[in-house]
Each structure stands twice: as C-alpha cells, then as structure tokens.
Amino acid sequence: MEKSDLRVSFVSTYPPRHCGIGTYTLALARVMDEFFLKRRTQIVAISDKKYRYSDRVVFGIEQENRRAYHKAAEFLASGPCEVVSIQHEYGIYGGEFGEYLLDLLERLEKPCVTTLHSVVPVHTSKRKEITQRILDLSDAIIVMTKGSKETLTRIFNVDHAKIRVVHHGVPNVRPDEQEKAKKKLGLEGRFVVSTFGLINPGKGIEYALDALPHVVREIPNILYLVVGKTHPVIRKKFGEVYRETLEQKMRDLKLNGHVRFINRYLDYHELVDYLKATDVYVAPQTDPHQSASGTLAYAIGAGAAIISTPTAYAQGVLANGRGYLVDFLDSVAIAKKLLQLAKYPELLRKKRMKTYLYGRRMIWPVVGLEHLKVFEQLAYGKPKRIRIPVRALTKTPELIPS
C-alpha cells in the first residue's frame, strides 16, 4: 500500500509520563507511522516535570507555563506538518479546566482535529465556556462513541458534521490462546477475573472485592487480579492509602488465596498475556459520565467476558448483549454475574466470543485508518482511497492503556 505524504503533529502527554492519554497517543502515532504515513509523526509533549523522551518528541510544553503554549503554536506554525491532532483531557493542560490550551489553539495556523477523551453532560459555566471555545477552534472533533457525539450536540453549539466517531484502539490478539497464557503465568486451573490500569478510587475495586466472598464458596478456584500501579497523581497527593485500604479489605474478607495485587506497570506483552488469561474482566468504575476507557476497550479486544457499571462508555461498547451492566456500588450484582458466568461455561464462551468479534473493529490499524481519513479531509479536502494492508490485521503497535 502506498503511504500518504501527510505530515501530522500530535499535542498530548507522552510516555514515559504515566498517563492514559499519552499511551493512547503512542499507539496511534506508531500505527500511523507503520502503515499509513511516509514521514514519522511528531509529538508536542505536555509535561508536569522533566522526562527523558524519545526523539519523536520535538517540542515540550510545561503544563502550567502559559507562555509555553504560545511558543508551541509558533513552533507548529513554522514546522513541517499539515495537520495538528490535539488529544484533549481537562486535567492534562494548564490553567482552570485546562484553559491554557486555548492559548495554543487561538494562535494555531494549521488545520486541527481535537480528540475528546472526556465528554460529560454536566459542566460549570467556566468549563462549558472553555469547552465551547475548544469546539469552535477545532476544524474537526473525534469522540469514541455515538453517545458522546449526542451529548456534545445536545449541550454545545457544534455542527454534527464536524464530529467523527472513532473507536478507542485495541491490540489484535488471537482468541484461542487462553490456556497457553494461563500456563505461562502460572494460572492453570483458575477461574481468572481481572481489573487493570492505574489504580485510583474511581475504579471502584472495593466493590469487586466485596463481591468475592459470595462467589468463593461456590467457585473455590476463582482468582481476582488487580493489575497496575497507583495513579501517579493519586500517589503524589495521598500516597498508597487507597491500595493499602484494598489490601486490608482483602485480609478482612479472608480472600488472601483468591486475590492477587500486581503492583507494577506491565510491558505490552505481559499485559496482553494477562488479558488473554482473563475469563471475566470487571470494571466497577464509579463515574457514570466516563466517556472513554482504554482499559475496558483492551479487555474487549482481548475477548474477555465483561461485567461493568453503566458508565457512558460501557453503555455504548457493551450494548446488544456484549457484556453485563450492573448498578453502581452494587457488589451483590457483581457476585451474581460472576457466579452465572463461572457456572455456565457455554454462556461464558458465547460472551467472550461476542466481545472478541466486536473488538475486531477496534484494532489499532482500523482505528489508524479512520484517523487518516479525518486528517486527509482537513489537509486535502477529501481522503485518498486507501485500504488496510493484510499485514496490518495481524500486527499491532505495542501499547498499554491506563
């Protein structure tokens, strides 16, 4: 396949900063480079401290330095790119509700597409004003579900045609390697349940723990894996209080043989092995307005059966029976669904296959192609005719969401 001449610059957080937006950007940049673009993508990185970045990062913005956003706009104006991709989350840009981003957007002289990683229906007047301005200054908007598009058009003054729905990307894994993965990880004979990502109170892990005593009596081989480090922002403010509370709850509930905390940031291959070994992925998040979740997306891509609270994102990707939605803060409902899936292997198999098949439309090469269409529409007026190469369907960039 002939690659595009288009040159793209991303404005985002970026590894080694531990941030879900940054890891998303890394995956998207890699897939664009490998399959779709002749020239390497470039990153303008938002930093909360000094990091040792790869040479893909060509400019840095100190998060709370307003003048740095002006300089970034000047750099992008003079640099060799046709399209700028802004990865937006309120907490990663400086100022109140990330308002310093407006200093960059107002000075940006090139077409800009903004990907909204948070789309919420309730705003303060200040945040609504900032968000409306971001929408006005962006030439195109990307969201990850139809529900997010509906929310935007209901609350803000924005043209439907300006908004594109593109899935969160996921790894492309085989559906038949669960037992091999369990053996590799020493999990043979276990009914594996997992939750992963940067640990913080919003994940609601305590409700999954509270569900387990109801399950252990009937499913003694169950093992719940809590995979990931504490979120750096939480650790900076509160230390390891939340994780220590979860570990104490595990001991109080006498679940020591049925819960395992894996307190580290896994590399891509290790994470994929844990996902392949997972029978049921539990996502007991407590924020109903969550509009995107890389961790839930990855679990879908790996073909796990899913039990989730009805966040905005989960309601979209788990519709039509692709997973179970349970009420917020409801441990009993989680327990009931875990028992149902553990007791009926054929039901578990069907649920896993349903999520796996849906996940094929979310693999990174497919998501990369959808981005390319948007980028070329902005740069050239219409996208070129491009097909996904066969090798893209069997290979995917290495990346871990948080």
Protein backbone atom coordinates (compact mmCIF):
# COMPACT_ATOMS: atom_id res chain seq x y z
CA MET A 1 0.00 0.00 0.00
CA GLU A 2 1.31 3.44 -0.89
CA LYS A 3 1.62 5.59 2.18
CA SER A 4 0.30 9.13 2.48
CA ASP A 5 2.55 12.21 2.15
CA LEU A 6 0.64 13.80 5.02
CA ARG A 7 2.64 15.06 7.99
CA VAL A 8 0.94 15.03 11.41
CA SER A 9 1.92 16.54 14.76
CA PHE A 10 0.25 15.37 17.99
CA VAL A 11 -0.19 17.57 21.05
CA SER A 12 -0.55 15.30 24.08
CA THR A 13 1.05 13.85 27.15
CA TYR A 14 3.50 11.12 26.18
CA PRO A 15 5.47 8.24 27.77
CA PRO A 16 7.39 7.88 29.99
CA ARG A 17 4.77 10.04 31.72
CA HIS A 18 2.23 7.56 33.11
CA CYS A 19 -0.98 8.88 31.61
CA GLY A 20 -3.67 7.09 29.62
CA ILE A 21 -3.81 9.90 27.07
CA GLY A 22 -0.09 9.62 26.45
CA THR A 23 -0.13 5.87 25.97
CA TYR A 24 -3.07 6.26 23.59
CA THR A 25 -1.07 8.80 21.59
CA LEU A 26 1.94 6.49 21.45
CA ALA A 27 -0.16 3.69 19.96
CA LEU A 28 -1.83 5.96 17.43
CA ALA A 29 1.48 7.52 16.36
CA ARG A 30 3.05 4.08 15.92
CA VAL A 31 0.25 2.70 13.79
CA MET A 32 0.17 5.85 11.64
CA ASP A 33 3.91 5.55 11.02
CA GLU A 34 3.94 1.82 10.36
CA PHE A 35 1.00 1.56 8.00
CA PHE A 36 -0.17 4.93 6.72
CA LEU A 37 2.36 7.80 6.68
CA LYS A 38 5.62 8.20 4.77
CA ARG A 39 7.07 10.57 7.34
CA ARG A 40 7.33 9.95 11.04
CA THR A 41 4.72 11.58 13.25
CA GLN A 42 5.92 14.18 15.73
CA ILE A 43 4.87 14.88 19.30
CA VAL A 44 4.49 18.14 21.19
CA ALA A 45 4.53 16.78 24.73
CA ILE A 46 2.68 18.21 27.74
CA SER A 47 4.92 17.71 30.77
CA ASP A 48 4.30 18.05 34.51
CA LYS A 49 8.01 17.51 35.24
CA LYS A 50 11.19 16.68 33.33
CA TYR A 51 11.09 13.42 31.35
CA ARG A 52 13.59 11.67 29.12
CA TYR A 53 11.52 11.46 25.94
CA SER A 54 12.25 9.60 22.72
CA ASP A 55 13.33 11.60 19.67
CA ARG A 56 9.72 11.52 18.43
CA VAL A 57 9.07 14.40 20.86
CA VAL A 58 10.15 17.56 19.03
CA PHE A 59 8.81 20.21 21.40
CA GLY A 60 7.83 20.33 25.07
CA ILE A 61 5.18 22.34 26.90
CA GLU A 62 5.48 22.85 30.65
CA GLN A 63 1.92 22.14 31.71
CA GLU A 64 1.47 25.20 33.96
CA ASN A 65 3.59 27.63 31.91
CA ARG A 66 1.12 29.67 29.87
CA ARG A 67 3.80 31.22 27.70
CA ALA A 68 4.89 27.73 26.60
CA TYR A 69 1.56 27.27 24.79
CA HIS A 70 2.24 30.44 22.76
CA LYS A 71 5.68 29.13 21.81
CA ALA A 72 4.22 25.76 20.86
CA ALA A 73 1.80 27.45 18.46
CA GLU A 74 4.72 29.32 16.88
CA PHE A 75 6.68 26.07 16.57
CA LEU A 76 3.77 24.26 14.91
CA ALA A 77 3.18 27.19 12.54
CA SER A 78 6.77 27.09 11.31
CA GLY A 79 7.20 23.31 11.43
CA PRO A 80 6.70 20.76 8.64
CA CYS A 81 3.20 19.44 9.29
CA GLU A 82 -0.15 19.78 7.54
CA VAL A 83 -2.44 18.68 10.40
CA VAL A 84 -2.28 19.02 14.20
CA SER A 85 -4.00 16.41 16.38
CA ILE A 86 -4.89 17.62 19.88
CA GLN A 87 -5.54 14.91 22.47
CA HIS A 88 -7.82 16.57 25.00
CA GLU A 89 -8.46 15.81 28.64
CA TYR A 90 -9.21 18.62 31.08
CA GLY A 91 -6.56 17.60 33.60
CA ILE A 92 -3.52 17.49 31.32
CA TYR A 93 -3.42 21.14 30.25
CA GLY A 94 -2.60 24.11 32.48
CA GLY A 95 -4.99 26.65 33.96
CA GLU A 96 -8.53 26.18 35.21
CA PHE A 97 -10.11 23.23 33.37
CA GLY A 98 -7.11 23.20 31.03
CA GLU A 99 -7.83 26.67 29.65
CA TYR A 100 -4.19 27.27 28.62
CA LEU A 101 -4.84 25.02 25.64
CA LEU A 102 -6.88 27.90 24.21
CA ASP A 103 -3.68 29.98 24.01
CA LEU A 104 -2.30 27.40 21.60
CA LEU A 105 -5.50 26.87 19.60
CA GLU A 106 -6.14 30.59 19.12
CA ARG A 107 -2.68 31.01 17.60
CA LEU A 108 -2.62 27.79 15.58
CA GLU A 109 -2.44 28.45 11.85
CA LYS A 110 -2.90 24.87 10.63
CA PRO A 111 -5.89 22.52 10.44
CA CYS A 112 -6.62 20.98 13.82
CA VAL A 113 -8.55 17.89 14.90
CA THR A 114 -9.27 17.54 18.61
CA THR A 115 -9.91 14.13 20.16
CA LEU A 116 -12.08 14.45 23.27
CA HIS A 117 -11.23 11.78 25.83
CA SER A 118 -13.83 13.15 28.26
CA VAL A 119 -17.32 14.14 27.15
CA VAL A 120 -19.54 14.91 30.14
CA PRO A 121 -23.12 16.21 30.27
CA VAL A 122 -22.74 18.44 33.33
CA HIS A 123 -20.46 21.48 33.42
CA THR A 124 -19.77 24.57 35.46
CA SER A 125 -20.27 27.74 33.45
CA LYS A 126 -16.49 28.20 33.22
CA ARG A 127 -15.79 24.68 31.94
CA LYS A 128 -18.66 24.89 29.46
CA GLU A 129 -17.28 28.18 28.12
CA ILE A 130 -13.79 26.68 27.70
CA THR A 131 -15.14 23.54 26.03
CA GLN A 132 -17.29 25.54 23.61
CA ARG A 133 -14.24 27.57 22.63
CA ILE A 134 -12.23 24.39 22.00
CA LEU A 135 -15.01 23.10 19.76
CA ASP A 136 -15.14 26.42 17.88
CA LEU A 137 -11.39 26.47 17.28
CA SER A 138 -11.15 22.85 16.12
CA ASP A 139 -11.69 22.03 12.45
CA ALA A 140 -12.84 18.51 13.36
CA ILE A 141 -13.72 16.68 16.57
CA ILE A 142 -13.16 12.98 17.31
CA VAL A 143 -15.13 11.16 20.02
CA MET A 144 -15.16 7.45 20.80
CA THR A 145 -18.87 6.61 20.98
CA LYS A 146 -22.11 7.71 19.35
CA GLY A 147 -23.36 8.61 22.82
CA SER A 148 -20.53 11.13 23.19
CA LYS A 149 -21.48 12.73 19.88
CA GLU A 150 -25.10 13.00 21.01
CA THR A 151 -24.01 14.57 24.30
CA LEU A 152 -21.86 17.17 22.52
CA THR A 153 -24.55 18.22 20.08
CA ARG A 154 -27.16 18.39 22.84
CA ILE A 155 -25.15 20.62 25.15
CA PHE A 156 -22.93 22.66 22.83
CA ASN A 157 -23.32 24.67 19.67
CA VAL A 158 -21.44 22.40 17.27
CA ASP A 159 -22.18 21.10 13.80
CA HIS A 160 -22.96 17.34 13.65
CA ALA A 161 -20.81 17.03 10.53
CA LYS A 162 -17.77 18.30 12.40
CA ILE A 163 -17.82 15.36 14.82
CA ARG A 164 -16.41 11.96 13.84
CA VAL A 165 -16.88 8.78 15.90
CA VAL A 166 -13.71 6.65 16.02
CA HIS A 167 -13.26 3.73 18.42
CA HIS A 168 -10.54 3.57 21.05
CA GLY A 169 -7.86 1.30 19.61
CA VAL A 170 -7.11 -2.19 20.97
CA PRO A 171 -4.43 -4.84 20.39
CA ASN A 172 -5.09 -7.53 17.79
CA VAL A 173 -4.82 -10.84 19.67
CA ARG A 174 -5.79 -14.41 18.87
CA PRO A 175 -8.91 -15.83 20.56
CA ASP A 176 -7.53 -19.34 21.15
CA GLU A 177 -4.54 -18.79 23.43
CA GLN A 178 -6.16 -18.58 26.88
CA GLU A 179 -4.85 -21.84 28.26
CA LYS A 180 -1.39 -21.13 26.91
CA ALA A 181 -1.43 -17.72 28.61
CA LYS A 182 -2.67 -19.19 31.89
CA LYS A 183 0.10 -21.76 31.87
CA LYS A 184 2.73 -19.12 31.13
CA LEU A 185 1.52 -17.04 34.09
CA GLY A 186 1.09 -19.99 36.47
CA LEU A 187 -2.70 -19.62 36.49
CA GLU A 188 -3.66 -23.10 35.29
CA GLY A 189 -6.93 -24.34 36.75
CA ARG A 190 -8.01 -20.91 37.96
CA PHE A 191 -11.15 -19.01 37.01
CA VAL A 192 -9.41 -15.70 36.34
CA VAL A 193 -11.12 -12.36 36.97
CA SER A 194 -9.18 -9.13 36.48
CA THR A 195 -9.18 -5.34 36.66
CA PHE A 196 -6.20 -3.40 35.38
CA GLY A 197 -4.88 0.12 34.89
CA LEU A 198 -3.51 2.94 37.01
CA ILE A 199 -5.19 2.35 40.37
CA ASN A 200 -7.37 5.10 41.81
CA PRO A 201 -10.58 5.29 43.87
CA GLY A 202 -12.69 5.89 40.75
CA LYS A 203 -12.07 2.30 39.65
CA GLY A 204 -14.34 1.01 42.46
CA ILE A 205 -12.18 -2.06 43.10
CA GLU A 206 -13.52 -2.34 46.65
CA TYR A 207 -16.92 -3.32 45.24
CA ALA A 208 -15.40 -6.17 43.28
CA LEU A 209 -13.62 -7.33 46.45
CA ASP A 210 -16.88 -7.20 48.41
CA ALA A 211 -18.46 -9.44 45.76
CA LEU A 212 -15.91 -12.22 46.07
CA PRO A 213 -16.99 -13.87 49.37
CA HIS A 214 -20.35 -14.65 47.75
CA VAL A 215 -18.53 -16.34 44.88
CA VAL A 216 -15.65 -18.14 46.59
CA ARG A 217 -17.94 -20.56 48.40
CA GLU A 218 -19.20 -21.96 45.09
CA ILE A 219 -16.21 -21.24 42.87
CA PRO A 220 -13.17 -22.03 45.05
CA ASN A 221 -10.71 -21.75 42.13
CA ILE A 222 -11.56 -18.08 41.45
CA LEU A 223 -8.63 -15.65 41.38
CA TYR A 224 -9.08 -11.87 41.12
CA LEU A 225 -6.10 -10.00 39.68
CA VAL A 226 -5.74 -6.28 40.39
CA VAL A 227 -3.10 -5.28 37.87
CA GLY A 228 -1.33 -1.94 37.86
CA LYS A 229 0.44 0.75 39.86
CA THR A 230 -1.28 3.53 41.77
CA HIS A 231 -2.06 6.51 39.54
CA PRO A 232 0.85 8.99 39.89
CA VAL A 233 -1.47 11.91 40.69
CA ILE A 234 -3.16 9.90 43.46
CA ARG A 235 0.18 8.68 44.79
CA LYS A 236 1.55 12.23 44.86
CA LYS A 237 -1.44 13.57 46.81
CA PHE A 238 -2.36 10.63 49.04
CA GLY A 239 0.45 8.09 48.82
CA GLU A 240 -0.67 4.44 48.73
CA VAL A 241 -3.68 4.90 51.01
CA TYR A 242 -6.22 3.54 48.52
CA ARG A 243 -4.19 0.45 47.64
CA GLU A 244 -3.47 -0.23 51.32
CA THR A 245 -7.21 0.04 52.04
CA LEU A 246 -7.90 -2.54 49.32
CA GLU A 247 -5.23 -4.89 50.67
CA GLN A 248 -6.66 -4.59 54.18
CA LYS A 249 -10.15 -5.34 52.83
CA MET A 250 -8.77 -8.45 51.16
CA ARG A 251 -7.38 -9.63 54.50
CA ASP A 252 -10.55 -8.74 56.41
CA LEU A 253 -12.64 -10.76 53.93
CA LYS A 254 -10.18 -13.68 54.17
CA LEU A 255 -9.53 -13.58 50.42
CA ASN A 256 -5.75 -13.96 50.50
CA GLY A 257 -5.76 -17.02 48.25
CA HIS A 258 -8.26 -15.51 45.86
CA VAL A 259 -6.89 -12.00 45.22
CA ARG A 260 -3.52 -11.02 43.82
CA PHE A 261 -2.23 -7.44 43.55
CA ILE A 262 0.31 -6.93 40.77
CA ASN A 263 1.73 -3.58 41.78
CA ARG A 264 3.74 -2.56 38.73
CA TYR A 265 3.43 -1.07 35.28
CA LEU A 266 3.42 -4.04 32.89
CA ASP A 267 5.05 -4.02 29.49
CA TYR A 268 2.83 -4.64 26.48
CA HIS A 269 3.48 -8.38 26.05
CA GLU A 270 2.98 -9.11 29.74
CA LEU A 271 -0.28 -7.17 29.82
CA VAL A 272 -1.61 -8.97 26.77
CA ASP A 273 -0.79 -12.32 28.41
CA TYR A 274 -2.82 -11.34 31.49
CA LEU A 275 -5.72 -10.20 29.31
CA LYS A 276 -5.66 -13.43 27.29
CA ALA A 277 -5.67 -15.40 30.55
CA THR A 278 -8.70 -13.49 31.87
CA ASP A 279 -12.08 -15.21 31.88
CA VAL A 280 -14.05 -12.20 33.16
CA TYR A 281 -12.99 -8.57 33.23
CA VAL A 282 -14.66 -6.50 35.96
CA ALA A 283 -14.95 -2.73 35.51
CA PRO A 284 -16.73 -1.37 38.63
CA GLN A 285 -16.00 2.32 37.90
CA THR A 286 -17.92 4.85 39.95
CA ASP A 287 -18.14 7.77 37.48
CA PRO A 288 -21.28 7.45 35.34
CA HIS A 289 -20.01 10.11 32.91
CA GLN A 290 -16.83 8.27 31.88
CA SER A 291 -16.89 8.58 28.09
CA ALA A 292 -13.77 6.58 27.22
CA SER A 293 -11.83 3.77 28.88
CA GLY A 294 -8.68 2.31 27.40
CA THR A 295 -8.70 -0.50 29.95
CA LEU A 296 -12.24 -1.60 29.12
CA ALA A 297 -11.51 -1.28 25.40
CA TYR A 298 -8.44 -3.51 25.74
CA ALA A 299 -10.43 -6.13 27.65
CA ILE A 300 -12.98 -6.17 24.83
CA GLY A 301 -10.21 -6.52 22.26
CA ALA A 302 -8.79 -9.50 24.17
CA GLY A 303 -12.19 -11.21 24.19
CA ALA A 304 -12.88 -11.28 27.94
CA ALA A 305 -16.43 -11.53 29.21
CA ILE A 306 -17.23 -8.15 30.75
CA ILE A 307 -19.05 -7.06 33.90
CA SER A 308 -19.18 -3.27 34.16
CA THR A 309 -21.06 -0.47 35.79
CA PRO A 310 -23.15 1.54 33.28
CA THR A 311 -20.71 4.33 32.52
CA ALA A 312 -21.40 6.30 29.37
CA TYR A 313 -18.61 4.42 27.58
CA ALA A 314 -19.65 0.97 28.80
CA GLN A 315 -23.26 1.51 27.72
CA GLY A 316 -22.05 2.11 24.17
CA VAL A 317 -19.46 -0.64 23.73
CA LEU A 318 -21.37 -3.29 25.71
CA ALA A 319 -24.75 -2.74 24.03
CA ASN A 320 -26.64 -5.62 22.39
CA GLY A 321 -25.56 -8.18 24.96
CA ARG A 322 -21.81 -7.77 24.55
CA GLY A 323 -21.41 -7.59 28.34
CA TYR A 324 -23.25 -7.29 31.63
CA LEU A 325 -24.08 -3.88 33.10
CA VAL A 326 -24.63 -3.78 36.87
CA ASP A 327 -25.65 -0.89 39.11
CA PHE A 328 -23.02 1.38 40.59
CA LEU A 329 -21.70 0.39 44.03
CA ASP A 330 -23.55 -2.97 43.82
CA SER A 331 -21.31 -5.82 44.97
CA VAL A 332 -24.18 -8.30 45.09
CA ALA A 333 -24.96 -7.75 41.40
CA ILE A 334 -21.29 -8.28 40.52
CA ALA A 335 -21.29 -11.53 42.51
CA LYS A 336 -24.42 -12.80 40.76
CA LYS A 337 -22.96 -12.23 37.31
CA LEU A 338 -19.63 -13.79 38.26
CA LEU A 339 -21.42 -16.91 39.52
CA GLN A 340 -23.53 -17.09 36.38
CA LEU A 341 -20.50 -16.95 34.11
CA ALA A 342 -18.46 -19.35 36.22
CA LYS A 343 -21.23 -21.96 36.47
CA TYR A 344 -22.18 -21.99 32.80
CA PRO A 345 -19.11 -22.45 30.58
CA GLU A 346 -21.10 -22.23 27.35
CA LEU A 347 -22.54 -18.86 28.39
CA LEU A 348 -19.01 -17.68 29.22
CA ARG A 349 -17.74 -18.85 25.84
CA LYS A 350 -20.51 -17.05 23.97
CA LYS A 351 -19.98 -13.80 25.89
CA ARG A 352 -16.24 -13.92 25.27
CA MET A 353 -16.68 -14.52 21.56
CA LYS A 354 -19.20 -11.70 21.29
CA THR A 355 -16.79 -9.17 22.77
CA TYR A 356 -13.89 -10.55 20.73
CA LEU A 357 -15.75 -10.19 17.43
CA TYR A 358 -16.81 -6.65 18.29
CA GLY A 359 -13.23 -5.86 19.20
CA ARG A 360 -12.03 -6.60 15.65
CA ARG A 361 -13.48 -3.27 14.51
CA MET A 362 -11.44 -1.58 17.26
CA ILE A 363 -7.95 -2.90 16.44
CA TRP A 364 -5.30 -0.20 16.01
CA PRO A 365 -4.85 -0.49 12.23
CA VAL A 366 -8.60 0.06 11.70
CA VAL A 367 -8.58 3.00 14.11
CA GLY A 368 -5.48 4.41 12.42
CA LEU A 369 -7.18 4.32 9.03
CA GLU A 370 -10.19 6.19 10.41
CA HIS A 371 -7.88 8.88 11.75
CA LEU A 372 -6.11 9.13 8.41
CA LYS A 373 -9.45 9.78 6.68
CA VAL A 374 -10.12 12.69 9.05
CA PHE A 375 -6.59 14.08 8.72
CA GLU A 376 -6.64 13.95 4.92
CA GLN A 377 -10.09 15.50 4.78
CA LEU A 378 -8.70 18.51 6.65
CA ALA A 379 -5.45 18.72 4.70
CA TYR A 380 -6.62 17.94 1.17
CA GLY A 381 -10.37 18.39 1.19
CA LYS A 382 -11.09 14.70 0.72
CA PRO A 383 -9.38 11.47 1.81
CA LYS A 384 -7.50 9.35 -0.68
CA ARG A 385 -8.71 5.82 -1.43
CA ILE A 386 -6.77 3.64 0.99
CA ARG A 387 -7.18 0.03 2.04
CA ILE A 388 -5.81 -1.59 5.20
CA PRO A 389 -2.93 -3.90 4.24
CA VAL A 390 -3.38 -7.54 5.20
CA ARG A 391 -0.35 -7.46 7.46
CA ALA A 392 -1.98 -4.69 9.49
CA LEU A 393 -4.67 -7.12 10.56
CA THR A 394 -2.13 -9.46 12.12
CA LYS A 395 0.21 -6.91 13.67
CA THR A 396 -0.41 -4.05 16.08
CA PRO A 397 1.69 -1.47 17.94
CA GLU A 398 2.70 -2.30 21.48
CA LEU A 399 0.92 -0.16 23.99
CA ILE A 400 -0.61 -0.27 27.44
CA PRO A 401 -3.59 1.91 28.40
CA SER A 402 -4.04 3.08 31.96
